Structure formats: structure tokens, C-alpha cells
Amino acid sequence: MGGKKVFGVVVLVMAYGLAVTTLITAQVPSTCNGYEPLLFQCVPYLVIDASNPPTAHCCDGAGVAFQRANNYEAIINLCKCLVDVAPYLNFALDNLANLPAACNIPLSFSMFRCIYG
């Protein structure tokens, strides 16, 4: 009998996680295509707590996303994506602007200009 309760709780938690993930990805605009690793792997740093350094997983995702911003049009798309999605995902803009430096990722553009215009 106890096994059925545990299984029920596990199924409930999995269903909740799927619903939240679906909701979050549905809020991501099309300008963010390809930048999902930065958006989702860095949530703890960008939303929850920037007092700790970003995780290696976050920095890997950010590196992939920033590498895609390799020309003027891609940089504009990345900046538009970040400005559009930050309020919906509750990103702290200062954390977002400081992410490349926190991950030691050199950029050819200014994240502060990208985020704050």
C-alpha cells in the first residue's frame, strides 16, 4: 500500500515539473531560438541567487549561447531575446549583464549595453 502512495507522489511531481517546463518554454519568444541553454541552465544564478558563482553547467550553456552571437544580427537577436524574456523568467538584469564576466566568457559586445540599451 505504501508503495502506491510513493508512486502517486512521484507521478504528481513529474507532472508538475512537466507543466512548469512547458509553461516556461511557451513564454520564450522565437528570437531566443538557440539561446535556450543560457536561459534555462542559468536560472539559479539569474533568478535565485547571484551571490554564489554560476555553476559550470550554467557557464557551459552561456558559452554555447554567446558563441551563437557571432555577428551583428545574431547579437541583436540575443539582446532582444534577453530583454524580452527577462521579465517573464524573473531574471535580475544585473545578474544577466554580469554573467559573461562571472563565467569568464569574453564577448565582442557589451552585455550592459545589450540589456540596458
PDB file of N, CA and C in Angstrom:
ATOM      1  N   MET A   1       0.828  -1.193   0.000  1.00  0.00           N
ATOM      2  CA  MET A   1       0.000   0.000   0.000  1.00  0.00           C
ATOM      3  C   MET A   1       0.870   1.253   0.000  1.00  0.00           C
ATOM      4  N   GLY A   2       1.945   1.275   0.794  1.00  0.00           N
ATOM      5  CA  GLY A   2       2.819   2.438   0.863  1.00  0.00           C
ATOM      6  C   GLY A   2       3.511   2.711  -0.453  1.00  0.00           C
ATOM      7  N   GLY A   3       3.821   1.655  -1.203  1.00  0.00           N
ATOM      8  CA  GLY A   3       4.466   1.819  -2.499  1.00  0.00           C
ATOM      9  C   GLY A   3       3.588   2.565  -3.485  1.00  0.00           C
ATOM     10  N   LYS A   4       2.281   2.342  -3.409  1.00  0.00           N
ATOM     11  CA  LYS A   4       1.357   3.039  -4.298  1.00  0.00           C
ATOM     12  C   LYS A   4       1.320   4.535  -3.993  1.00  0.00           C
ATOM     13  N   LYS A   5       1.411   4.892  -2.715  1.00  0.00           N
ATOM     14  CA  LYS A   5       1.417   6.315  -2.338  1.00  0.00           C
ATOM     15  C   LYS A   5       2.676   6.996  -2.858  1.00  0.00           C
ATOM     16  N   VAL A   6       3.804   6.334  -2.683  1.00  0.00           N
ATOM     17  CA  VAL A   6       5.070   6.895  -3.155  1.00  0.00           C
ATOM     18  C   VAL A   6       5.021   7.063  -4.668  1.00  0.00           C
ATOM     19  N   PHE A   7       4.537   6.042  -5.364  1.00  0.00           N
ATOM     20  CA  PHE A   7       4.428   6.125  -6.819  1.00  0.00           C
ATOM     21  C   PHE A   7       3.510   7.265  -7.228  1.00  0.00           C
ATOM     22  N   GLY A   8       2.406   7.434  -6.519  1.00  0.00           N
ATOM     23  CA  GLY A   8       1.470   8.526  -6.815  1.00  0.00           C
ATOM     24  C   GLY A   8       2.117   9.886  -6.636  1.00  0.00           C
ATOM     25  N   VAL A   9       2.895  10.044  -5.579  1.00  0.00           N
ATOM     26  CA  VAL A   9       3.587  11.314  -5.330  1.00  0.00           C
ATOM     27  C   VAL A   9       4.621  11.570  -6.425  1.00  0.00           C
ATOM     28  N   VAL A  10       5.357  10.541  -6.811  1.00  0.00           N
ATOM     29  CA  VAL A  10       6.367  10.690  -7.863  1.00  0.00           C
ATOM     30  C   VAL A  10       5.705  11.116  -9.175  1.00  0.00           C
ATOM     31  N   VAL A  11       4.601  10.491  -9.525  1.00  0.00           N
ATOM     32  CA  VAL A  11       3.890  10.847 -10.754  1.00  0.00           C
ATOM     33  C   VAL A  11       3.386  12.281 -10.678  1.00  0.00           C
ATOM     34  N   LEU A  12       2.872  12.686  -9.528  1.00  0.00           N
ATOM     35  CA  LEU A  12       2.385  14.056  -9.348  1.00  0.00           C
ATOM     36  C   LEU A  12       3.518  15.066  -9.520  1.00  0.00           C
ATOM     37  N   VAL A  13       4.652  14.792  -8.911  1.00  0.00           N
ATOM     38  CA  VAL A  13       5.801  15.700  -9.019  1.00  0.00           C
ATOM     39  C   VAL A  13       6.288  15.778 -10.464  1.00  0.00           C
ATOM     40  N   MET A  14       6.331  14.646 -11.146  1.00  0.00           N
ATOM     41  CA  MET A  14       6.768  14.647 -12.545  1.00  0.00           C
ATOM     42  C   MET A  14       5.793  15.432 -13.418  1.00  0.00           C
ATOM     43  N   ALA A  15       4.511  15.274 -13.184  1.00  0.00           N
ATOM     44  CA  ALA A  15       3.507  16.006 -13.970  1.00  0.00           C
ATOM     45  C   ALA A  15       3.628  17.503 -13.717  1.00  0.00           C
ATOM     46  N   TYR A  16       3.850  17.895 -12.470  1.00  0.00           N
ATOM     47  CA  TYR A  16       4.017  19.309 -12.138  1.00  0.00           C
ATOM     48  C   TYR A  16       5.254  19.872 -12.834  1.00  0.00           C
ATOM     49  N   GLY A  17       6.349  19.134 -12.779  1.00  0.00           N
ATOM     50  CA  GLY A  17       7.578  19.579 -13.440  1.00  0.00           C
ATOM     51  C   GLY A  17       7.397  19.744 -14.931  1.00  0.00           C
ATOM     52  N   LEU A  18       6.704  18.827 -15.556  1.00  0.00           N
ATOM     53  CA  LEU A  18       6.429  18.925 -16.988  1.00  0.00           C
ATOM     54  C   LEU A  18       5.560  20.136 -17.303  1.00  0.00           C
ATOM     55  N   ALA A  19       4.562  20.393 -16.474  1.00  0.00           N
ATOM     56  CA  ALA A  19       3.684  21.551 -16.697  1.00  0.00           C
ATOM     57  C   ALA A  19       4.467  22.851 -16.572  1.00  0.00           C
ATOM     58  N   VAL A  20       5.326  22.967 -15.576  1.00  0.00           N
ATOM     59  CA  VAL A  20       6.125  24.183 -15.383  1.00  0.00           C
ATOM     60  C   VAL A  20       7.088  24.358 -16.542  1.00  0.00           C
ATOM     61  N   THR A  21       7.758  23.297 -16.950  1.00  0.00           N
ATOM     62  CA  THR A  21       8.697  23.378 -18.069  1.00  0.00           C
ATOM     63  C   THR A  21       7.985  23.793 -19.344  1.00  0.00           C
ATOM     64  N   THR A  22       6.828  23.229 -19.604  1.00  0.00           N
ATOM     65  CA  THR A  22       6.056  23.584 -20.793  1.00  0.00           C
ATOM     66  C   THR A  22       5.639  25.040 -20.749  1.00  0.00           C
ATOM     67  N   LEU A  23       5.208  25.509 -19.594  1.00  0.00           N
ATOM     68  CA  LEU A  23       4.813  26.902 -19.442  1.00  0.00           C
ATOM     69  C   LEU A  23       5.988  27.829 -19.699  1.00  0.00           C
ATOM     70  N   ILE A  24       7.133  27.523 -19.127  1.00  0.00           N
ATOM     71  CA  ILE A  24       8.299  28.386 -19.288  1.00  0.00           C
ATOM     72  C   ILE A  24       8.750  28.410 -20.749  1.00  0.00           C
ATOM     73  N   THR A  25       8.852  27.249 -21.390  1.00  0.00           N
ATOM     74  CA  THR A  25       9.311  27.243 -22.780  1.00  0.00           C
ATOM     75  C   THR A  25       8.291  27.892 -23.698  1.00  0.00           C
ATOM     76  N   ALA A  26       7.018  27.881 -23.342  1.00  0.00           N
ATOM     77  CA  ALA A  26       5.999  28.539 -24.162  1.00  0.00           C
ATOM     78  C   ALA A  26       6.140  30.048 -24.099  1.00  0.00           C
ATOM     79  N   GLN A  27       6.766  30.579 -23.051  1.00  0.00           N
ATOM     80  CA  GLN A  27       6.931  32.017 -22.895  1.00  0.00           C
ATOM     81  C   GLN A  27       8.153  32.541 -23.643  1.00  0.00           C
ATOM     82  N   VAL A  28       8.975  31.678 -24.156  1.00  0.00           N
ATOM     83  CA  VAL A  28      10.209  32.090 -24.805  1.00  0.00           C
ATOM     84  C   VAL A  28       9.906  32.517 -26.231  1.00  0.00           C
ATOM     85  N   PRO A  29      10.241  33.777 -26.588  1.00  0.00           N
ATOM     86  CA  PRO A  29       9.973  34.251 -27.947  1.00  0.00           C
ATOM     87  C   PRO A  29      10.871  33.573 -28.979  1.00  0.00           C
ATOM     88  N   SER A  30      10.479  33.653 -30.226  1.00  0.00           N
ATOM     89  CA  SER A  30      11.229  32.992 -31.293  1.00  0.00           C
ATOM     90  C   SER A  30      12.632  33.573 -31.465  1.00  0.00           C
ATOM     91  N   THR A  31      12.862  34.819 -31.029  1.00  0.00           N
ATOM     92  CA  THR A  31      14.208  35.398 -31.121  1.00  0.00           C
ATOM     93  C   THR A  31      15.192  34.648 -30.226  1.00  0.00           C
ATOM     94  N   CYS A  32      14.674  33.828 -29.315  1.00  0.00           N
ATOM     95  CA  CYS A  32      15.536  33.103 -28.385  1.00  0.00           C
ATOM     96  C   CYS A  32      15.930  31.723 -28.887  1.00  0.00           C
ATOM     97  N   ASN A  33      15.495  31.351 -30.094  1.00  0.00           N
ATOM     98  CA  ASN A  33      15.867  30.044 -30.631  1.00  0.00           C
ATOM     99  C   ASN A  33      17.383  29.909 -30.660  1.00  0.00           C
ATOM    100  N   GLY A  34      17.869  28.872 -30.025  1.00  0.00           N
ATOM    101  CA  GLY A  34      19.304  28.626 -29.949  1.00  0.00           C
ATOM    102  C   GLY A  34      19.936  29.159 -28.680  1.00  0.00           C
ATOM    103  N   TYR A  35      19.240  30.021 -27.962  1.00  0.00           N
ATOM    104  CA  TYR A  35      19.784  30.594 -26.737  1.00  0.00           C
ATOM    105  C   TYR A  35      19.216  29.939 -25.482  1.00  0.00           C
ATOM    106  N   GLU A  36      18.456  28.858 -25.663  1.00  0.00           N
ATOM    107  CA  GLU A  36      17.831  28.171 -24.541  1.00  0.00           C
ATOM    108  C   GLU A  36      18.833  27.696 -23.492  1.00  0.00           C
ATOM    109  N   PRO A  37      20.044  27.231 -23.874  1.00  0.00           N
ATOM    110  CA  PRO A  37      20.980  26.795 -22.832  1.00  0.00           C
ATOM    111  C   PRO A  37      21.281  27.899 -21.815  1.00  0.00           C
ATOM    112  N   LEU A  38      21.432  29.109 -22.270  1.00  0.00           N
ATOM    113  CA  LEU A  38      21.671  30.217 -21.351  1.00  0.00           C
ATOM    114  C   LEU A  38      20.439  30.467 -20.493  1.00  0.00           C
ATOM    115  N   LEU A  39      19.281  30.458 -21.109  1.00  0.00           N
ATOM    116  CA  LEU A  39      18.055  30.801 -20.397  1.00  0.00           C
ATOM    117  C   LEU A  39      17.712  29.810 -19.300  1.00  0.00           C
ATOM    118  N   PHE A  40      17.860  28.524 -19.564  1.00  0.00           N
ATOM    119  CA  PHE A  40      17.375  27.529 -18.627  1.00  0.00           C
ATOM    120  C   PHE A  40      18.447  26.951 -17.716  1.00  0.00           C
ATOM    121  N   GLN A  41      19.684  26.867 -18.167  1.00  0.00           N
ATOM    122  CA  GLN A  41      20.747  26.301 -17.333  1.00  0.00           C
ATOM    123  C   GLN A  41      21.245  27.295 -16.293  1.00  0.00           C
ATOM    124  N   CYS A  42      20.937  28.568 -16.466  1.00  0.00           N
ATOM    125  CA  CYS A  42      21.456  29.581 -15.551  1.00  0.00           C
ATOM    126  C   CYS A  42      20.399  30.147 -14.601  1.00  0.00           C
ATOM    127  N   VAL A  43      19.244  29.510 -14.541  1.00  0.00           N
ATOM    128  CA  VAL A  43      18.167  30.023 -13.688  1.00  0.00           C
ATOM    129  C   VAL A  43      18.616  30.238 -12.245  1.00  0.00           C
ATOM    130  N   PRO A  44      19.336  29.300 -11.606  1.00  0.00           N
ATOM    131  CA  PRO A  44      19.718  29.558 -10.213  1.00  0.00           C
ATOM    132  C   PRO A  44      20.531  30.846 -10.049  1.00  0.00           C
ATOM    133  N   TYR A  45      21.412  31.118 -10.987  1.00  0.00           N
ATOM    134  CA  TYR A  45      22.232  32.339 -10.903  1.00  0.00           C
ATOM    135  C   TYR A  45      21.427  33.573 -11.282  1.00  0.00           C
ATOM    136  N   LEU A  46      20.622  33.470 -12.313  1.00  0.00           N
ATOM    137  CA  LEU A  46      19.914  34.642 -12.834  1.00  0.00           C
ATOM    138  C   LEU A  46      18.667  35.007 -12.037  1.00  0.00           C
ATOM    139  N   VAL A  47      18.084  34.060 -11.340  1.00  0.00           N
ATOM    140  CA  VAL A  47      16.833  34.318 -10.627  1.00  0.00           C
ATOM    141  C   VAL A  47      17.005  34.188  -9.120  1.00  0.00           C
ATOM    142  N   ILE A  48      17.604  33.108  -8.705  1.00  0.00           N
ATOM    143  CA  ILE A  48      17.569  32.755  -7.288  1.00  0.00           C
ATOM    144  C   ILE A  48      18.659  33.440  -6.491  1.00  0.00           C
ATOM    145  N   ASP A  49      19.922  33.279  -6.893  1.00  0.00           N
ATOM    146  CA  ASP A  49      20.996  33.757  -6.029  1.00  0.00           C
ATOM    147  C   ASP A  49      22.258  34.015  -6.833  1.00  0.00           C
ATOM    148  N   ALA A  50      22.586  35.269  -7.020  1.00  0.00           N
ATOM    149  CA  ALA A  50      23.813  35.616  -7.732  1.00  0.00           C
ATOM    150  C   ALA A  50      24.975  35.836  -6.773  1.00  0.00           C
ATOM    151  N   SER A  51      24.745  35.626  -5.476  1.00  0.00           N
ATOM    152  CA  SER A  51      25.843  35.801  -4.523  1.00  0.00           C
ATOM    153  C   SER A  51      26.858  34.658  -4.651  1.00  0.00           C
ATOM    154  N   ASN A  52      26.419  33.533  -5.197  1.00  0.00           N
ATOM    155  CA  ASN A  52      27.319  32.419  -5.494  1.00  0.00           C
ATOM    156  C   ASN A  52      27.645  32.456  -6.980  1.00  0.00           C
ATOM    157  N   PRO A  53      28.829  31.985  -7.349  1.00  0.00           N
ATOM    158  CA  PRO A  53      29.164  31.990  -8.777  1.00  0.00           C
ATOM    159  C   PRO A  53      28.245  31.056  -9.548  1.00  0.00           C
ATOM    160  N   PRO A  54      28.065  31.310 -10.848  1.00  0.00           N
ATOM    161  CA  PRO A  54      27.249  30.409 -11.660  1.00  0.00           C
ATOM    162  C   PRO A  54      27.898  29.026 -11.719  1.00  0.00           C
ATOM    163  N   THR A  55      27.079  28.019 -11.890  1.00  0.00           N
ATOM    164  CA  THR A  55      27.589  26.652 -11.969  1.00  0.00           C
ATOM    165  C   THR A  55      28.322  26.437 -13.291  1.00  0.00           C
ATOM    166  N   ALA A  56      29.102  25.387 -13.335  1.00  0.00           N
ATOM    167  CA  ALA A  56      29.790  25.031 -14.583  1.00  0.00           C
ATOM    168  C   ALA A  56      28.763  24.717 -15.666  1.00  0.00           C
ATOM    169  N   HIS A  57      27.656  24.107 -15.288  1.00  0.00           N
ATOM    170  CA  HIS A  57      26.575  23.789 -16.237  1.00  0.00           C
ATOM    171  C   HIS A  57      26.016  25.081 -16.837  1.00  0.00           C
ATOM    172  N   CYS A  58      25.816  26.080 -16.007  1.00  0.00           N
ATOM    173  CA  CYS A  58      25.341  27.383 -16.469  1.00  0.00           C
ATOM    174  C   CYS A  58      26.348  28.008 -17.424  1.00  0.00           C
ATOM    175  N   CYS A  59      27.602  28.025 -17.025  1.00  0.00           N
ATOM    176  CA  CYS A  59      28.634  28.656 -17.863  1.00  0.00           C
ATOM    177  C   CYS A  59      28.789  27.937 -19.198  1.00  0.00           C
ATOM    178  N   ASP A  60      28.640  26.613 -19.191  1.00  0.00           N
ATOM    179  CA  ASP A  60      28.687  25.873 -20.453  1.00  0.00           C
ATOM    180  C   ASP A  60      27.539  26.311 -21.365  1.00  0.00           C
ATOM    181  N   GLY A  61      26.339  26.402 -20.805  1.00  0.00           N
ATOM    182  CA  GLY A  61      25.176  26.836 -21.579  1.00  0.00           C
ATOM    183  C   GLY A  61      25.315  28.264 -22.064  1.00  0.00           C
ATOM    184  N   ALA A  62      25.822  29.131 -21.192  1.00  0.00           N
ATOM    185  CA  ALA A  62      26.035  30.525 -21.579  1.00  0.00           C
ATOM    186  C   ALA A  62      27.078  30.607 -22.691  1.00  0.00           C
ATOM    187  N   GLY A  63      28.124  29.800 -22.586  1.00  0.00           N
ATOM    188  CA  GLY A  63      29.161  29.790 -23.618  1.00  0.00           C
ATOM    189  C   GLY A  63      28.604  29.398 -24.976  1.00  0.00           C
ATOM    190  N   VAL A  64      27.739  28.394 -24.992  1.00  0.00           N
ATOM    191  CA  VAL A  64      27.097  27.965 -26.241  1.00  0.00           C
ATOM    192  C   VAL A  64      26.250  29.102 -26.812  1.00  0.00           C
ATOM    193  N   ALA A  65      25.466  29.731 -25.956  1.00  0.00           N
ATOM    194  CA  ALA A  65      24.583  30.815 -26.410  1.00  0.00           C
ATOM    195  C   ALA A  65      25.384  32.016 -26.901  1.00  0.00           C
ATOM    196  N   PHE A  66      26.402  32.409 -26.152  1.00  0.00           N
ATOM    197  CA  PHE A  66      27.187  33.577 -26.546  1.00  0.00           C
ATOM    198  C   PHE A  66      28.007  33.294 -27.807  1.00  0.00           C
ATOM    199  N   GLN A  67      28.396  32.059 -28.005  1.00  0.00           N
ATOM    200  CA  GLN A  67      29.129  31.704 -29.220  1.00  0.00           C
ATOM    201  C   GLN A  67      28.241  31.872 -30.453  1.00  0.00           C
ATOM    202  N   ARG A  68      26.939  31.656 -30.298  1.00  0.00           N
ATOM    203  CA  ARG A  68      25.998  31.846 -31.407  1.00  0.00           C
ATOM    204  C   ARG A  68      25.889  33.317 -31.803  1.00  0.00           C
ATOM    205  N   ALA A  69      26.166  34.220 -30.866  1.00  0.00           N
ATOM    206  CA  ALA A  69      26.096  35.660 -31.142  1.00  0.00           C
ATOM    207  C   ALA A  69      27.413  36.100 -31.782  1.00  0.00           C
ATOM    208  N   ASN A  70      27.630  35.648 -33.002  1.00  0.00           N
ATOM    209  CA  ASN A  70      28.925  35.850 -33.651  1.00  0.00           C
ATOM    210  C   ASN A  70      28.898  36.855 -34.801  1.00  0.00           C
ATOM    211  N   ASN A  71      27.758  37.523 -34.978  1.00  0.00           N
ATOM    212  CA  ASN A  71      27.691  38.594 -35.972  1.00  0.00           C
ATOM    213  C   ASN A  71      26.658  39.620 -35.490  1.00  0.00           C
ATOM    214  N   TYR A  72      26.587  40.734 -36.178  1.00  0.00           N
ATOM    215  CA  TYR A  72      25.729  41.833 -35.732  1.00  0.00           C
ATOM    216  C   TYR A  72      24.275  41.394 -35.564  1.00  0.00           C
ATOM    217  N   GLU A  73      23.735  40.697 -36.546  1.00  0.00           N
ATOM    218  CA  GLU A  73      22.336  40.269 -36.486  1.00  0.00           C
ATOM    219  C   GLU A  73      22.091  39.306 -35.322  1.00  0.00           C
ATOM    220  N   ALA A  74      23.026  38.379 -35.110  1.00  0.00           N
ATOM    221  CA  ALA A  74      22.886  37.425 -34.009  1.00  0.00           C
ATOM    222  C   ALA A  74      22.979  38.122 -32.654  1.00  0.00           C
ATOM    223  N   ILE A  75      23.826  39.128 -32.537  1.00  0.00           N
ATOM    224  CA  ILE A  75      23.939  39.889 -31.293  1.00  0.00           C
ATOM    225  C   ILE A  75      22.634  40.636 -31.025  1.00  0.00           C
ATOM    226  N   ILE A  76      22.080  41.262 -32.054  1.00  0.00           N
ATOM    227  CA  ILE A  76      20.800  41.967 -31.909  1.00  0.00           C
ATOM    228  C   ILE A  76      19.709  40.985 -31.472  1.00  0.00           C
ATOM    229  N   ASN A  77      19.663  39.798 -32.072  1.00  0.00           N
ATOM    230  CA  ASN A  77      18.670  38.787 -31.685  1.00  0.00           C
ATOM    231  C   ASN A  77      18.856  38.353 -30.239  1.00  0.00           C
ATOM    232  N   LEU A  78      20.104  38.127 -29.836  1.00  0.00           N
ATOM    233  CA  LEU A  78      20.367  37.729 -28.455  1.00  0.00           C
ATOM    234  C   LEU A  78      19.901  38.822 -27.494  1.00  0.00           C
ATOM    235  N   CYS A  79      20.259  40.061 -27.779  1.00  0.00           N
ATOM    236  CA  CYS A  79      19.863  41.171 -26.894  1.00  0.00           C
ATOM    237  C   CYS A  79      18.343  41.293 -26.825  1.00  0.00           C
ATOM    238  N   LYS A  80      17.681  41.197 -27.973  1.00  0.00           N
ATOM    239  CA  LYS A  80      16.220  41.270 -27.985  1.00  0.00           C
ATOM    240  C   LYS A  80      15.623  40.118 -27.186  1.00  0.00           C
ATOM    241  N   CYS A  81      16.171  38.940 -27.374  1.00  0.00           N
ATOM    242  CA  CYS A  81      15.709  37.771 -26.623  1.00  0.00           C
ATOM    243  C   CYS A  81      15.823  38.023 -25.124  1.00  0.00           C
ATOM    244  N   LEU A  82      16.982  38.468 -24.680  1.00  0.00           N
ATOM    245  CA  LEU A  82      17.216  38.654 -23.244  1.00  0.00           C
ATOM    246  C   LEU A  82      16.316  39.742 -22.661  1.00  0.00           C
ATOM    247  N   VAL A  83      16.157  40.835 -23.376  1.00  0.00           N
ATOM    248  CA  VAL A  83      15.292  41.919 -22.902  1.00  0.00           C
ATOM    249  C   VAL A  83      13.839  41.465 -22.865  1.00  0.00           C
ATOM    250  N   ASP A  84      13.414  40.708 -23.873  1.00  0.00           N
ATOM    251  CA  ASP A  84      12.028  40.249 -23.928  1.00  0.00           C
ATOM    252  C   ASP A  84      11.708  39.200 -22.872  1.00  0.00           C
ATOM    253  N   VAL A  85      12.633  38.293 -22.637  1.00  0.00           N
ATOM    254  CA  VAL A  85      12.337  37.145 -21.776  1.00  0.00           C
ATOM    255  C   VAL A  85      12.644  37.401 -20.298  1.00  0.00           C
ATOM    256  N   ALA A  86      13.539  38.309 -20.003  1.00  0.00           N
ATOM    257  CA  ALA A  86      13.955  38.535 -18.612  1.00  0.00           C
ATOM    258  C   ALA A  86      12.789  38.787 -17.657  1.00  0.00           C
ATOM    259  N   PRO A  87      11.820  39.636 -18.007  1.00  0.00           N
ATOM    260  CA  PRO A  87      10.718  39.865 -17.060  1.00  0.00           C
ATOM    261  C   PRO A  87       9.846  38.630 -16.838  1.00  0.00           C
ATOM    262  N   TYR A  88       9.674  37.821 -17.875  1.00  0.00           N
ATOM    263  CA  TYR A  88       8.818  36.636 -17.757  1.00  0.00           C
ATOM    264  C   TYR A  88       9.460  35.528 -16.937  1.00  0.00           C
ATOM    265  N   LEU A  89      10.793  35.436 -17.024  1.00  0.00           N
ATOM    266  CA  LEU A  89      11.503  34.408 -16.269  1.00  0.00           C
ATOM    267  C   LEU A  89      12.077  34.958 -14.965  1.00  0.00           C
ATOM    268  N   ASN A  90      11.754  36.207 -14.657  1.00  0.00           N
ATOM    269  CA  ASN A  90      12.186  36.866 -13.415  1.00  0.00           C
ATOM    270  C   ASN A  90      13.701  36.956 -13.274  1.00  0.00           C
ATOM    271  N   PHE A  91      14.383  37.194 -14.389  1.00  0.00           N
ATOM    272  CA  PHE A  91      15.829  37.361 -14.336  1.00  0.00           C
ATOM    273  C   PHE A  91      16.162  38.715 -13.732  1.00  0.00           C
ATOM    274  N   ALA A  92      17.142  38.745 -12.859  1.00  0.00           N
ATOM    275  CA  ALA A  92      17.682  40.002 -12.363  1.00  0.00           C
ATOM    276  C   ALA A  92      18.614  40.538 -13.449  1.00  0.00           C
ATOM    277  N   LEU A  93      18.330  41.733 -13.950  1.00  0.00           N
ATOM    278  CA  LEU A  93      19.085  42.260 -15.092  1.00  0.00           C
ATOM    279  C   LEU A  93      20.572  42.422 -14.788  1.00  0.00           C
ATOM    280  N   ASP A  94      20.908  42.836 -13.570  1.00  0.00           N
ATOM    281  CA  ASP A  94      22.325  42.967 -13.223  1.00  0.00           C
ATOM    282  C   ASP A  94      23.031  41.607 -13.268  1.00  0.00           C
ATOM    283  N   ASN A  95      22.358  40.569 -12.783  1.00  0.00           N
ATOM    284  CA  ASN A  95      22.942  39.225 -12.837  1.00  0.00           C
ATOM    285  C   ASN A  95      23.160  38.808 -14.287  1.00  0.00           C
ATOM    286  N   LEU A  96      22.183  39.088 -15.127  1.00  0.00           N
ATOM    287  CA  LEU A  96      22.281  38.749 -16.540  1.00  0.00           C
ATOM    288  C   LEU A  96      23.431  39.499 -17.201  1.00  0.00           C
ATOM    289  N   ALA A  97      23.543  40.782 -16.911  1.00  0.00           N
ATOM    290  CA  ALA A  97      24.606  41.591 -17.505  1.00  0.00           C
ATOM    291  C   ALA A  97      25.990  41.144 -17.028  1.00  0.00           C
ATOM    292  N   ASN A  98      26.074  40.633 -15.811  1.00  0.00           N
ATOM    293  CA  ASN A  98      27.359  40.201 -15.248  1.00  0.00           C
ATOM    294  C   ASN A  98      27.707  38.748 -15.550  1.00  0.00           C
ATOM    295  N   LEU A  99      26.793  38.006 -16.151  1.00  0.00           N
ATOM    296  CA  LEU A  99      27.016  36.580 -16.395  1.00  0.00           C
ATOM    297  C   LEU A  99      28.280  36.279 -17.200  1.00  0.00           C
ATOM    298  N   PRO A 100      28.547  36.968 -18.321  1.00  0.00           N
ATOM    299  CA  PRO A 100      29.767  36.627 -19.071  1.00  0.00           C
ATOM    300  C   PRO A 100      31.031  36.788 -18.223  1.00  0.00           C
ATOM    301  N   ALA A 101      31.110  37.855 -17.452  1.00  0.00           N
ATOM    302  CA  ALA A 101      32.282  38.055 -16.593  1.00  0.00           C
ATOM    303  C   ALA A 101      32.350  36.979 -15.509  1.00  0.00           C
ATOM    304  N   ALA A 102      31.203  36.628 -14.940  1.00  0.00           N
ATOM    305  CA  ALA A 102      31.172  35.600 -13.888  1.00  0.00           C
ATOM    306  C   ALA A 102      31.605  34.241 -14.421  1.00  0.00           C
ATOM    307  N   CYS A 103      31.369  33.995 -15.710  1.00  0.00           N
ATOM    308  CA  CYS A 103      31.756  32.725 -16.349  1.00  0.00           C
ATOM    309  C   CYS A 103      33.076  32.838 -17.101  1.00  0.00           C
ATOM    310  N   ASN A 104      33.721  33.987 -17.041  1.00  0.00           N
ATOM    311  CA  ASN A 104      34.974  34.224 -17.775  1.00  0.00           C
ATOM    312  C   ASN A 104      34.804  33.975 -19.266  1.00  0.00           C
ATOM    313  N   ILE A 105      33.709  34.493 -19.822  1.00  0.00           N
ATOM    314  CA  ILE A 105      33.430  34.366 -21.250  1.00  0.00           C
ATOM    315  C   ILE A 105      33.668  35.726 -21.906  1.00  0.00           C
ATOM    316  N   PRO A 106      34.688  35.837 -22.754  1.00  0.00           N
ATOM    317  CA  PRO A 106      34.915  37.111 -23.442  1.00  0.00           C
ATOM    318  C   PRO A 106      33.858  37.327 -24.526  1.00  0.00           C
ATOM    319  N   LEU A 107      33.366  38.549 -24.611  1.00  0.00           N
ATOM    320  CA  LEU A 107      32.369  38.894 -25.622  1.00  0.00           C
ATOM    321  C   LEU A 107      32.892  40.008 -26.513  1.00  0.00           C
ATOM    322  N   SER A 108      32.357  40.067 -27.715  1.00  0.00           N
ATOM    323  CA  SER A 108      32.722  41.138 -28.647  1.00  0.00           C
ATOM    324  C   SER A 108      31.762  42.322 -28.517  1.00  0.00           C
ATOM    325  N   PHE A 109      30.851  42.260 -27.534  1.00  0.00           N
ATOM    326  CA  PHE A 109      29.868  43.316 -27.329  1.00  0.00           C
ATOM    327  C   PHE A 109      29.647  43.496 -25.831  1.00  0.00           C
ATOM    328  N   SER A 110      29.037  44.593 -25.472  1.00  0.00           N
ATOM    329  CA  SER A 110      28.785  44.909 -24.068  1.00  0.00           C
ATOM    330  C   SER A 110      27.438  44.339 -23.623  1.00  0.00           C
ATOM    331  N   MET A 111      27.451  43.472 -22.626  1.00  0.00           N
ATOM    332  CA  MET A 111      26.186  42.954 -22.091  1.00  0.00           C
ATOM    333  C   MET A 111      25.380  44.060 -21.426  1.00  0.00           C
ATOM    334  N   PHE A 112      26.052  45.029 -20.807  1.00  0.00           N
ATOM    335  CA  PHE A 112      25.317  46.123 -20.163  1.00  0.00           C
ATOM    336  C   PHE A 112      24.555  46.938 -21.219  1.00  0.00           C
ATOM    337  N   ARG A 113      25.198  47.203 -22.336  1.00  0.00           N
ATOM    338  CA  ARG A 113      24.536  47.921 -23.429  1.00  0.00           C
ATOM    339  C   ARG A 113      23.404  47.047 -24.006  1.00  0.00           C
ATOM    340  N   CYS A 114      23.665  45.767 -24.104  1.00  0.00           N
ATOM    341  CA  CYS A 114      22.681  44.825 -24.628  1.00  0.00           C
ATOM    342  C   CYS A 114      21.424  44.816 -23.745  1.00  0.00           C
ATOM    343  N   ILE A 115      21.597  44.763 -22.454  1.00  0.00           N
ATOM    344  CA  ILE A 115      20.488  44.639 -21.513  1.00  0.00           C
ATOM    345  C   ILE A 115      19.813  45.987 -21.245  1.00  0.00           C
ATOM    346  N   TYR A 116      20.612  47.013 -21.049  1.00  0.00           N
ATOM    347  CA  TYR A 116      20.068  48.315 -20.642  1.00  0.00           C
ATOM    348  C   TYR A 116      19.921  49.305 -21.787  1.00  0.00           C
ATOM    349  N   GLY A 117      20.373  48.904 -23.001  1.00  0.00           N
ATOM    350  CA  GLY A 117      20.234  49.768 -24.161  1.00  0.00           C
ATOM    351  C   GLY A 117      21.208  50.844 -24.139  1.00  0.00           C
TER     352      GLY A 117
END
